[in-house]
Amino acid sequence: PLVSSLTEAYQEVTGDTETQPMVIGGGTYAKGIDHTIAFGC
């Protein structure tokens, strides 16, 4: 639900449906707090 909701928000505003959720090497605050992912910027 978290990933799909935020992905849909990006798609709705930008119209970009080709770019998909990704895995990165960078570390964000998402690792330090539950139920959180990086969204933008």
PDB file of all heavy atoms in Angstrom:
ATOM      1  N   PRO A   1       0.809  -1.234   0.000  1.00  0.00           N
ATOM      2  CA  PRO A   1       0.000   0.000   0.000  1.00  0.00           C
ATOM      3  C   PRO A   1       0.835   1.275   0.000  1.00  0.00           C
ATOM      4  O   PRO A   1       0.494   2.245  -0.695  1.00  0.00           O
ATOM      5  CB  PRO A   1      -0.831  -0.132   1.273  1.00  0.00           C
ATOM      6  CG  PRO A   1      -0.940  -1.598   1.508  1.00  0.00           C
ATOM      7  CD  PRO A   1       0.376  -2.166   1.064  1.00  0.00           C
ATOM      8  N   LEU A   2       1.925   1.294   0.779  1.00  0.00           N
ATOM      9  CA  LEU A   2       2.756   2.493   0.859  1.00  0.00           C
ATOM     10  C   LEU A   2       3.404   2.792  -0.485  1.00  0.00           C
ATOM     11  O   LEU A   2       3.325   3.928  -0.993  1.00  0.00           O
ATOM     12  CB  LEU A   2       3.820   2.296   1.943  1.00  0.00           C
ATOM     13  CG  LEU A   2       4.791   3.458   2.174  1.00  0.00           C
ATOM     14  CD1 LEU A   2       4.051   4.718   2.603  1.00  0.00           C
ATOM     15  CD2 LEU A   2       5.838   3.065   3.221  1.00  0.00           C
ATOM     16  N   VAL A   3       4.024   1.797  -1.090  1.00  0.00           N
ATOM     17  CA  VAL A   3       4.723   2.008  -2.369  1.00  0.00           C
ATOM     18  C   VAL A   3       3.742   2.326  -3.485  1.00  0.00           C
ATOM     19  O   VAL A   3       3.951   3.270  -4.266  1.00  0.00           O
ATOM     20  CB  VAL A   3       5.560   0.763  -2.732  1.00  0.00           C
ATOM     21  CG1 VAL A   3       6.193   0.930  -4.115  1.00  0.00           C
ATOM     22  CG2 VAL A   3       6.640   0.521  -1.688  1.00  0.00           C
ATOM     23  N   SER A   4       2.656   1.578  -3.567  1.00  0.00           N
ATOM     24  CA  SER A   4       1.707   1.789  -4.664  1.00  0.00           C
ATOM     25  C   SER A   4       1.007   3.145  -4.546  1.00  0.00           C
ATOM     26  O   SER A   4       0.786   3.821  -5.558  1.00  0.00           O
ATOM     27  CB  SER A   4       0.679   0.656  -4.707  1.00  0.00           C
ATOM     28  OG  SER A   4      -0.044   0.568  -3.498  1.00  0.00           O
ATOM     29  N   SER A   5       0.689   3.577  -3.329  1.00  0.00           N
ATOM     30  CA  SER A   5       0.015   4.876  -3.150  1.00  0.00           C
ATOM     31  C   SER A   5       0.904   6.029  -3.596  1.00  0.00           C
ATOM     32  O   SER A   5       0.461   6.942  -4.313  1.00  0.00           O
ATOM     33  CB  SER A   5      -0.378   5.066  -1.682  1.00  0.00           C
ATOM     34  OG  SER A   5      -1.355   4.138  -1.286  1.00  0.00           O
ATOM     35  N   LEU A   6       2.152   5.995  -3.188  1.00  0.00           N
ATOM     36  CA  LEU A   6       3.051   7.103  -3.530  1.00  0.00           C
ATOM     37  C   LEU A   6       3.436   7.069  -5.008  1.00  0.00           C
ATOM     38  O   LEU A   6       3.573   8.124  -5.646  1.00  0.00           O
ATOM     39  CB  LEU A   6       4.283   7.052  -2.637  1.00  0.00           C
ATOM     40  CG  LEU A   6       4.004   7.274  -1.139  1.00  0.00           C
ATOM     41  CD1 LEU A   6       5.282   7.197  -0.317  1.00  0.00           C
ATOM     42  CD2 LEU A   6       3.310   8.615  -0.904  1.00  0.00           C
ATOM     43  N   THR A   7       3.580   5.879  -5.559  1.00  0.00           N
ATOM     44  CA  THR A   7       3.857   5.780  -6.993  1.00  0.00           C
ATOM     45  C   THR A   7       2.709   6.365  -7.806  1.00  0.00           C
ATOM     46  O   THR A   7       2.924   7.109  -8.775  1.00  0.00           O
ATOM     47  CB  THR A   7       4.084   4.313  -7.402  1.00  0.00           C
ATOM     48  OG1 THR A   7       5.168   3.772  -6.649  1.00  0.00           O
ATOM     49  CG2 THR A   7       4.401   4.197  -8.882  1.00  0.00           C
ATOM     50  N   GLU A   8       1.490   6.059  -7.412  1.00  0.00           N
ATOM     51  CA  GLU A   8       0.312   6.597  -8.109  1.00  0.00           C
ATOM     52  C   GLU A   8       0.247   8.113  -7.999  1.00  0.00           C
ATOM     53  O   GLU A   8      -0.158   8.791  -8.954  1.00  0.00           O
ATOM     54  CB  GLU A   8      -0.952   5.975  -7.528  1.00  0.00           C
ATOM     55  CG  GLU A   8      -1.130   4.497  -7.883  1.00  0.00           C
ATOM     56  CD  GLU A   8      -2.231   3.846  -7.079  1.00  0.00           C
ATOM     57  OE1 GLU A   8      -2.953   4.567  -6.344  1.00  0.00           O
ATOM     58  OE2 GLU A   8      -2.375   2.603  -7.158  1.00  0.00           O
ATOM     59  N   ALA A   9       0.653   8.668  -6.859  1.00  0.00           N
ATOM     60  CA  ALA A   9       0.651  10.121  -6.698  1.00  0.00           C
ATOM     61  C   ALA A   9       1.606  10.771  -7.696  1.00  0.00           C
ATOM     62  O   ALA A   9       1.270  11.764  -8.355  1.00  0.00           O
ATOM     63  CB  ALA A   9       1.040  10.485  -5.267  1.00  0.00           C
ATOM     64  N   TYR A  10       2.801  10.209  -7.818  1.00  0.00           N
ATOM     65  CA  TYR A  10       3.767  10.735  -8.781  1.00  0.00           C
ATOM     66  C   TYR A  10       3.224  10.638 -10.200  1.00  0.00           C
ATOM     67  O   TYR A  10       3.309  11.595 -10.983  1.00  0.00           O
ATOM     68  CB  TYR A  10       5.081   9.963  -8.662  1.00  0.00           C
ATOM     69  CG  TYR A  10       6.040  10.218  -9.807  1.00  0.00           C
ATOM     70  CD1 TYR A  10       6.828  11.362  -9.836  1.00  0.00           C
ATOM     71  CD2 TYR A  10       6.131   9.315 -10.866  1.00  0.00           C
ATOM     72  CE1 TYR A  10       7.698  11.605 -10.892  1.00  0.00           C
ATOM     73  CE2 TYR A  10       6.997   9.551 -11.926  1.00  0.00           C
ATOM     74  CZ  TYR A  10       7.777  10.693 -11.932  1.00  0.00           C
ATOM     75  OH  TYR A  10       8.626  10.935 -12.987  1.00  0.00           O
ATOM     76  N   GLN A  11       2.640   9.504 -10.535  1.00  0.00           N
ATOM     77  CA  GLN A  11       2.121   9.302 -11.887  1.00  0.00           C
ATOM     78  C   GLN A  11       0.977  10.259 -12.198  1.00  0.00           C
ATOM     79  O   GLN A  11       0.868  10.783 -13.311  1.00  0.00           O
ATOM     80  CB  GLN A  11       1.674   7.849 -12.051  1.00  0.00           C
ATOM     81  CG  GLN A  11       2.812   6.848 -12.009  1.00  0.00           C
ATOM     82  CD  GLN A  11       2.345   5.403 -12.024  1.00  0.00           C
ATOM     83  OE1 GLN A  11       1.174   5.118 -11.722  1.00  0.00           O
ATOM     84  NE2 GLN A  11       3.231   4.483 -12.357  1.00  0.00           N
ATOM     85  N   GLU A  12       0.112  10.483 -11.210  1.00  0.00           N
ATOM     86  CA  GLU A  12      -1.048  11.358 -11.421  1.00  0.00           C
ATOM     87  C   GLU A  12      -0.623  12.780 -11.729  1.00  0.00           C
ATOM     88  O   GLU A  12      -1.208  13.448 -12.589  1.00  0.00           O
ATOM     89  CB  GLU A  12      -1.927  11.327 -10.174  1.00  0.00           C
ATOM     90  CG  GLU A  12      -3.189  12.167 -10.287  1.00  0.00           C
ATOM     91  CD  GLU A  12      -4.059  12.057  -9.051  1.00  0.00           C
ATOM     92  OE1 GLU A  12      -4.255  10.913  -8.568  1.00  0.00           O
ATOM     93  OE2 GLU A  12      -4.537  13.106  -8.559  1.00  0.00           O
ATOM     94  N   VAL A  13       0.408  13.270 -11.050  1.00  0.00           N
ATOM     95  CA  VAL A  13       0.835  14.658 -11.233  1.00  0.00           C
ATOM     96  C   VAL A  13       1.691  14.822 -12.486  1.00  0.00           C
ATOM     97  O   VAL A  13       1.559  15.801 -13.222  1.00  0.00           O
ATOM     98  CB  VAL A  13       1.608  15.158  -9.988  1.00  0.00           C
ATOM     99  CG1 VAL A  13       2.182  16.554 -10.239  1.00  0.00           C
ATOM    100  CG2 VAL A  13       0.691  15.178  -8.769  1.00  0.00           C
ATOM    101  N   THR A  14       2.574  13.856 -12.755  1.00  0.00           N
ATOM    102  CA  THR A  14       3.534  14.023 -13.851  1.00  0.00           C
ATOM    103  C   THR A  14       3.114  13.362 -15.151  1.00  0.00           C
ATOM    104  O   THR A  14       3.604  13.736 -16.225  1.00  0.00           O
ATOM    105  CB  THR A  14       4.900  13.428 -13.449  1.00  0.00           C
ATOM    106  OG1 THR A  14       4.771  12.011 -13.281  1.00  0.00           O
ATOM    107  CG2 THR A  14       5.400  14.053 -12.146  1.00  0.00           C
ATOM    108  N   GLY A  15       2.244  12.358 -15.081  1.00  0.00           N
ATOM    109  CA  GLY A  15       1.890  11.599 -16.274  1.00  0.00           C
ATOM    110  C   GLY A  15       2.941  10.575 -16.666  1.00  0.00           C
ATOM    111  O   GLY A  15       2.786   9.874 -17.676  1.00  0.00           O
ATOM    112  N   ASP A  16       4.001  10.460 -15.887  1.00  0.00           N
ATOM    113  CA  ASP A  16       5.075   9.516 -16.172  1.00  0.00           C
ATOM    114  C   ASP A  16       4.737   8.154 -15.571  1.00  0.00           C
ATOM    115  O   ASP A  16       4.784   7.976 -14.356  1.00  0.00           O
ATOM    116  CB  ASP A  16       6.391  10.042 -15.582  1.00  0.00           C
ATOM    117  CG  ASP A  16       7.539   9.050 -15.714  1.00  0.00           C
ATOM    118  OD1 ASP A  16       7.401   8.088 -16.487  1.00  0.00           O
ATOM    119  OD2 ASP A  16       8.571   9.261 -15.028  1.00  0.00           O
ATOM    120  N   THR A  17       4.390   7.202 -16.431  1.00  0.00           N
ATOM    121  CA  THR A  17       4.091   5.851 -15.957  1.00  0.00           C
ATOM    122  C   THR A  17       5.197   4.862 -16.316  1.00  0.00           C
ATOM    123  O   THR A  17       5.111   3.683 -15.972  1.00  0.00           O
ATOM    124  CB  THR A  17       2.760   5.350 -16.561  1.00  0.00           C
ATOM    125  OG1 THR A  17       2.866   5.388 -17.995  1.00  0.00           O
ATOM    126  CG2 THR A  17       1.600   6.219 -16.109  1.00  0.00           C
ATOM    127  N   GLU A  18       6.238   5.347 -16.984  1.00  0.00           N
ATOM    128  CA  GLU A  18       7.336   4.467 -17.382  1.00  0.00           C
ATOM    129  C   GLU A  18       8.355   4.278 -16.259  1.00  0.00           C
ATOM    130  O   GLU A  18       8.872   3.176 -16.056  1.00  0.00           O
ATOM    131  CB  GLU A  18       8.039   5.029 -18.624  1.00  0.00           C
ATOM    132  CG  GLU A  18       7.165   5.018 -19.873  1.00  0.00           C
ATOM    133  CD  GLU A  18       7.941   5.461 -21.096  1.00  0.00           C
ATOM    134  OE1 GLU A  18       9.183   5.646 -20.982  1.00  0.00           O
ATOM    135  OE2 GLU A  18       7.321   5.615 -22.163  1.00  0.00           O
ATOM    136  N   THR A  19       8.660   5.341 -15.528  1.00  0.00           N
ATOM    137  CA  THR A  19       9.641   5.249 -14.449  1.00  0.00           C
ATOM    138  C   THR A  19       9.027   4.491 -13.278  1.00  0.00           C
ATOM    139  O   THR A  19       7.951   4.842 -12.800  1.00  0.00           O
ATOM    140  CB  THR A  19      10.080   6.653 -13.983  1.00  0.00           C
ATOM    141  OG1 THR A  19      10.442   7.443 -15.124  1.00  0.00           O
ATOM    142  CG2 THR A  19      11.268   6.555 -13.048  1.00  0.00           C
ATOM    143  N   GLN A  20       9.720   3.463 -12.832  1.00  0.00           N
ATOM    144  CA  GLN A  20       9.184   2.576 -11.805  1.00  0.00           C
ATOM    145  C   GLN A  20       9.932   2.726 -10.488  1.00  0.00           C
ATOM    146  O   GLN A  20      11.048   3.252 -10.443  1.00  0.00           O
ATOM    147  CB  GLN A  20       9.276   1.121 -12.289  1.00  0.00           C
ATOM    148  CG  GLN A  20       8.417   0.829 -13.510  1.00  0.00           C
ATOM    149  CD  GLN A  20       6.936   1.037 -13.254  1.00  0.00           C
ATOM    150  OE1 GLN A  20       6.385   0.531 -12.275  1.00  0.00           O
ATOM    151  NE2 GLN A  20       6.281   1.805 -14.123  1.00  0.00           N
ATOM    152  N   PRO A  21       9.321   2.270  -9.375  1.00  0.00           N
ATOM    153  CA  PRO A  21      10.026   2.265  -8.089  1.00  0.00           C
ATOM    154  C   PRO A  21      11.382   1.585  -8.225  1.00  0.00           C
ATOM    155  O   PRO A  21      11.550   0.665  -9.031  1.00  0.00           O
ATOM    156  CB  PRO A  21       9.085   1.471  -7.177  1.00  0.00           C
ATOM    157  CG  PRO A  21       7.731   1.695  -7.762  1.00  0.00           C
ATOM    158  CD  PRO A  21       7.946   1.743  -9.250  1.00  0.00           C
ATOM    159  N   MET A  22      12.334   2.032  -7.433  1.00  0.00           N
ATOM    160  CA  MET A  22      13.708   1.563  -7.630  1.00  0.00           C
ATOM    161  C   MET A  22      14.391   1.206  -6.318  1.00  0.00           C
ATOM    162  O   MET A  22      13.955   1.608  -5.234  1.00  0.00           O
ATOM    163  CB  MET A  22      14.512   2.643  -8.351  1.00  0.00           C
ATOM    164  CG  MET A  22      14.701   3.908  -7.535  1.00  0.00           C
ATOM    165  SD  MET A  22      15.247   5.319  -8.533  1.00  0.00           S
ATOM    166  CE  MET A  22      13.682   5.817  -9.292  1.00  0.00           C
ATOM    167  N   VAL A  23      15.469   0.467  -6.461  1.00  0.00           N
ATOM    168  CA  VAL A  23      16.361   0.156  -5.344  1.00  0.00           C
ATOM    169  C   VAL A  23      17.629   0.976  -5.536  1.00  0.00           C
ATOM    170  O   VAL A  23      18.164   1.059  -6.643  1.00  0.00           O
ATOM    171  CB  VAL A  23      16.702  -1.346  -5.318  1.00  0.00           C
ATOM    172  CG1 VAL A  23      17.805  -1.629  -4.311  1.00  0.00           C
ATOM    173  CG2 VAL A  23      15.463  -2.166  -4.990  1.00  0.00           C
ATOM    174  N   ILE A  24      18.110   1.588  -4.460  1.00  0.00           N
ATOM    175  CA  ILE A  24      19.279   2.459  -4.553  1.00  0.00           C
ATOM    176  C   ILE A  24      20.368   2.016  -3.572  1.00  0.00           C
ATOM    177  O   ILE A  24      20.132   1.247  -2.652  1.00  0.00           O
ATOM    178  CB  ILE A  24      18.919   3.931  -4.276  1.00  0.00           C
ATOM    179  CG1 ILE A  24      18.422   4.114  -2.834  1.00  0.00           C
ATOM    180  CG2 ILE A  24      17.902   4.443  -5.282  1.00  0.00           C
ATOM    181  CD1 ILE A  24      18.374   5.554  -2.378  1.00  0.00           C
ATOM    182  N   GLY A  25      21.545   2.559  -3.793  1.00  0.00           N
ATOM    183  CA  GLY A  25      22.650   2.302  -2.877  1.00  0.00           C
ATOM    184  C   GLY A  25      22.716   3.311  -1.758  1.00  0.00           C
ATOM    185  O   GLY A  25      23.344   3.072  -0.735  1.00  0.00           O
ATOM    186  N   GLY A  26      22.085   4.460  -1.947  1.00  0.00           N
ATOM    187  CA  GLY A  26      22.087   5.481  -0.911  1.00  0.00           C
ATOM    188  C   GLY A  26      21.239   5.072   0.277  1.00  0.00           C
ATOM    189  O   GLY A  26      20.285   4.300   0.141  1.00  0.00           O
ATOM    190  N   GLY A  27      21.581   5.583   1.420  1.00  0.00           N
ATOM    191  CA  GLY A  27      20.802   5.313   2.625  1.00  0.00           C
ATOM    192  C   GLY A  27      20.013   6.544   3.016  1.00  0.00           C
ATOM    193  O   GLY A  27      20.535   7.658   2.979  1.00  0.00           O
ATOM    194  N   THR A  28      18.762   6.387   3.366  1.00  0.00           N
ATOM    195  CA  THR A  28      17.925   7.508   3.769  1.00  0.00           C
ATOM    196  C   THR A  28      17.370   7.278   5.169  1.00  0.00           C
ATOM    197  O   THR A  28      17.602   6.231   5.782  1.00  0.00           O
ATOM    198  CB  THR A  28      16.744   7.718   2.798  1.00  0.00           C
ATOM    199  OG1 THR A  28      15.770   6.678   3.024  1.00  0.00           O
ATOM    200  CG2 THR A  28      17.198   7.668   1.341  1.00  0.00           C
ATOM    201  N   TYR A  29      16.606   8.236   5.640  1.00  0.00           N
ATOM    202  CA  TYR A  29      15.949   8.110   6.935  1.00  0.00           C
ATOM    203  C   TYR A  29      14.997   6.910   6.987  1.00  0.00           C
ATOM    204  O   TYR A  29      14.604   6.480   8.067  1.00  0.00           O
ATOM    205  CB  TYR A  29      15.160   9.377   7.233  1.00  0.00           C
ATOM    206  CG  TYR A  29      15.928  10.457   7.947  1.00  0.00           C
ATOM    207  CD1 TYR A  29      15.518  11.789   7.857  1.00  0.00           C
ATOM    208  CD2 TYR A  29      17.021  10.170   8.746  1.00  0.00           C
ATOM    209  CE1 TYR A  29      16.193  12.801   8.534  1.00  0.00           C
ATOM    210  CE2 TYR A  29      17.703  11.173   9.416  1.00  0.00           C
ATOM    211  CZ  TYR A  29      17.283  12.488   9.308  1.00  0.00           C
ATOM    212  OH  TYR A  29      17.950  13.481   9.984  1.00  0.00           O
ATOM    213  N   ALA A  30      14.611   6.370   5.839  1.00  0.00           N
ATOM    214  CA  ALA A  30      13.661   5.257   5.827  1.00  0.00           C
ATOM    215  C   ALA A  30      14.183   4.065   6.625  1.00  0.00           C
ATOM    216  O   ALA A  30      13.398   3.283   7.170  1.00  0.00           O
ATOM    217  CB  ALA A  30      13.364   4.836   4.390  1.00  0.00           C
ATOM    218  N   LYS A  31      15.507   3.938   6.698  1.00  0.00           N
ATOM    219  CA  LYS A  31      16.079   2.826   7.455  1.00  0.00           C
ATOM    220  C   LYS A  31      15.982   3.045   8.961  1.00  0.00           C
ATOM    221  O   LYS A  31      16.175   2.118   9.741  1.00  0.00           O
ATOM    222  CB  LYS A  31      17.541   2.626   7.071  1.00  0.00           C
ATOM    223  CG  LYS A  31      17.742   1.894   5.748  1.00  0.00           C
ATOM    224  CD  LYS A  31      19.204   1.503   5.597  1.00  0.00           C
ATOM    225  CE  LYS A  31      19.398   0.666   4.334  1.00  0.00           C
ATOM    226  NZ  LYS A  31      20.347   1.239   3.408  1.00  0.00           N
ATOM    227  N   GLY A  32      15.697   4.275   9.372  1.00  0.00           N
ATOM    228  CA  GLY A  32      15.708   4.581  10.794  1.00  0.00           C
ATOM    229  C   GLY A  32      14.346   4.714  11.433  1.00  0.00           C
ATOM    230  O   GLY A  32      14.255   4.977  12.641  1.00  0.00           O
ATOM    231  N   ILE A  33      13.283   4.575  10.641  1.00  0.00           N
ATOM    232  CA  ILE A  33      11.938   4.742  11.182  1.00  0.00           C
ATOM    233  C   ILE A  33      10.999   3.802  10.418  1.00  0.00           C
ATOM    234  O   ILE A  33      11.113   3.656   9.205  1.00  0.00           O
ATOM    235  CB  ILE A  33      11.486   6.218  11.100  1.00  0.00           C
ATOM    236  CG1 ILE A  33      10.161   6.442  11.819  1.00  0.00           C
ATOM    237  CG2 ILE A  33      11.447   6.719   9.668  1.00  0.00           C
ATOM    238  CD1 ILE A  33       9.834   7.922  12.049  1.00  0.00           C
ATOM    239  N   ASP A  34      10.094   3.154  11.117  1.00  0.00           N
ATOM    240  CA  ASP A  34       9.255   2.120  10.505  1.00  0.00           C
ATOM    241  C   ASP A  34       8.267   2.684   9.480  1.00  0.00           C
ATOM    242  O   ASP A  34       7.880   3.854   9.534  1.00  0.00           O
ATOM    243  CB  ASP A  34       8.457   1.388  11.586  1.00  0.00           C
ATOM    244  CG  ASP A  34       9.344   0.571  12.506  1.00  0.00           C
ATOM    245  OD1 ASP A  34      10.497   0.300  12.129  1.00  0.00           O
ATOM    246  OD2 ASP A  34       8.883   0.215  13.613  1.00  0.00           O
ATOM    247  N   HIS A  35       7.862   1.811   8.554  1.00  0.00           N
ATOM    248  CA  HIS A  35       6.776   2.075   7.598  1.00  0.00           C
ATOM    249  C   HIS A  35       7.050   3.299   6.730  1.00  0.00           C
ATOM    250  O   HIS A  35       6.144   4.078   6.428  1.00  0.00           O
ATOM    251  CB  HIS A  35       5.441   2.263   8.344  1.00  0.00           C
ATOM    252  CG  HIS A  35       5.198   1.235   9.392  1.00  0.00           C
ATOM    253  ND1 HIS A  35       4.894   1.548  10.703  1.00  0.00           N
ATOM    254  CD2 HIS A  35       5.263  -0.121   9.343  1.00  0.00           C
ATOM    255  CE1 HIS A  35       4.749   0.448  11.410  1.00  0.00           C
ATOM    256  NE2 HIS A  35       4.973  -0.586  10.609  1.00  0.00           N
ATOM    257  N   THR A  36       8.299   3.457   6.314  1.00  0.00           N
ATOM    258  CA  THR A  36       8.705   4.653   5.586  1.00  0.00           C
ATOM    259  C   THR A  36       9.572   4.278   4.388  1.00  0.00           C
ATOM    260  O   THR A  36      10.390   3.359   4.466  1.00  0.00           O
ATOM    261  CB  THR A  36       9.499   5.598   6.523  1.00  0.00           C
ATOM    262  OG1 THR A  36       8.653   6.016   7.596  1.00  0.00           O
ATOM    263  CG2 THR A  36      10.007   6.820   5.786  1.00  0.00           C
ATOM    264  N   ILE A  37       9.375   4.994   3.266  1.00  0.00           N
ATOM    265  CA  ILE A  37      10.242   4.863   2.104  1.00  0.00           C
ATOM    266  C   ILE A  37      10.627   6.254   1.615  1.00  0.00           C
ATOM    267  O   ILE A  37      10.015   7.256   1.998  1.00  0.00           O
ATOM    268  CB  ILE A  37       9.574   4.084   0.949  1.00  0.00           C
ATOM    269  CG1 ILE A  37       8.327   4.831   0.441  1.00  0.00           C
ATOM    270  CG2 ILE A  37       9.244   2.666   1.361  1.00  0.00           C
ATOM    271  CD1 ILE A  37       7.735   4.241  -0.834  1.00  0.00           C
ATOM    272  N   ALA A  38      11.649   6.316   0.777  1.00  0.00           N
ATOM    273  CA  ALA A  38      12.032   7.583   0.156  1.00  0.00           C
ATOM    274  C   ALA A  38      11.109   7.867  -1.024  1.00  0.00           C
ATOM    275  O   ALA A  38      10.838   6.979  -1.840  1.00  0.00           O
ATOM    276  CB  ALA A  38      13.482   7.541  -0.298  1.00  0.00           C
ATOM    277  N   PHE A  39      10.633   9.107  -1.100  1.00  0.00           N
ATOM    278  CA  PHE A  39       9.653   9.538  -2.107  1.00  0.00           C
ATOM    279  C   PHE A  39      10.086  10.900  -2.600  1.00  0.00           C
ATOM    280  O   PHE A  39       9.864  11.906  -1.943  1.00  0.00           O
ATOM    281  CB  PHE A  39       8.279   9.597  -1.441  1.00  0.00           C
ATOM    282  CG  PHE A  39       7.145  10.061  -2.316  1.00  0.00           C
ATOM    283  CD1 PHE A  39       6.937   9.552  -3.578  1.00  0.00           C
ATOM    284  CD2 PHE A  39       6.238  11.005  -1.828  1.00  0.00           C
ATOM    285  CE1 PHE A  39       5.874   9.973  -4.358  1.00  0.00           C
ATOM    286  CE2 PHE A  39       5.166  11.435  -2.594  1.00  0.00           C
ATOM    287  CZ  PHE A  39       4.990  10.915  -3.862  1.00  0.00           C
ATOM    288  N   GLY A  40      10.731  10.969  -3.806  1.00  0.00           N
ATOM    289  CA  GLY A  40      11.341  12.216  -4.218  1.00  0.00           C
ATOM    290  C   GLY A  40      12.628  12.395  -3.406  1.00  0.00           C
ATOM    291  O   GLY A  40      13.000  11.529  -2.631  1.00  0.00           O
ATOM    292  N   CYS A  41      13.329  13.498  -3.586  1.00  0.00           N
ATOM    293  CA  CYS A  41      12.897  14.700  -4.270  1.00  0.00           C
ATOM    294  C   CYS A  41      13.432  14.811  -5.703  1.00  0.00           C
ATOM    295  O   CYS A  41      13.094  15.735  -6.431  1.00  0.00           O
ATOM    296  CB  CYS A  41      13.355  15.918  -3.477  1.00  0.00           C
ATOM    297  SG  CYS A  41      15.138  15.921  -3.132  1.00  0.00           S
TER     298      CYS A  41
END
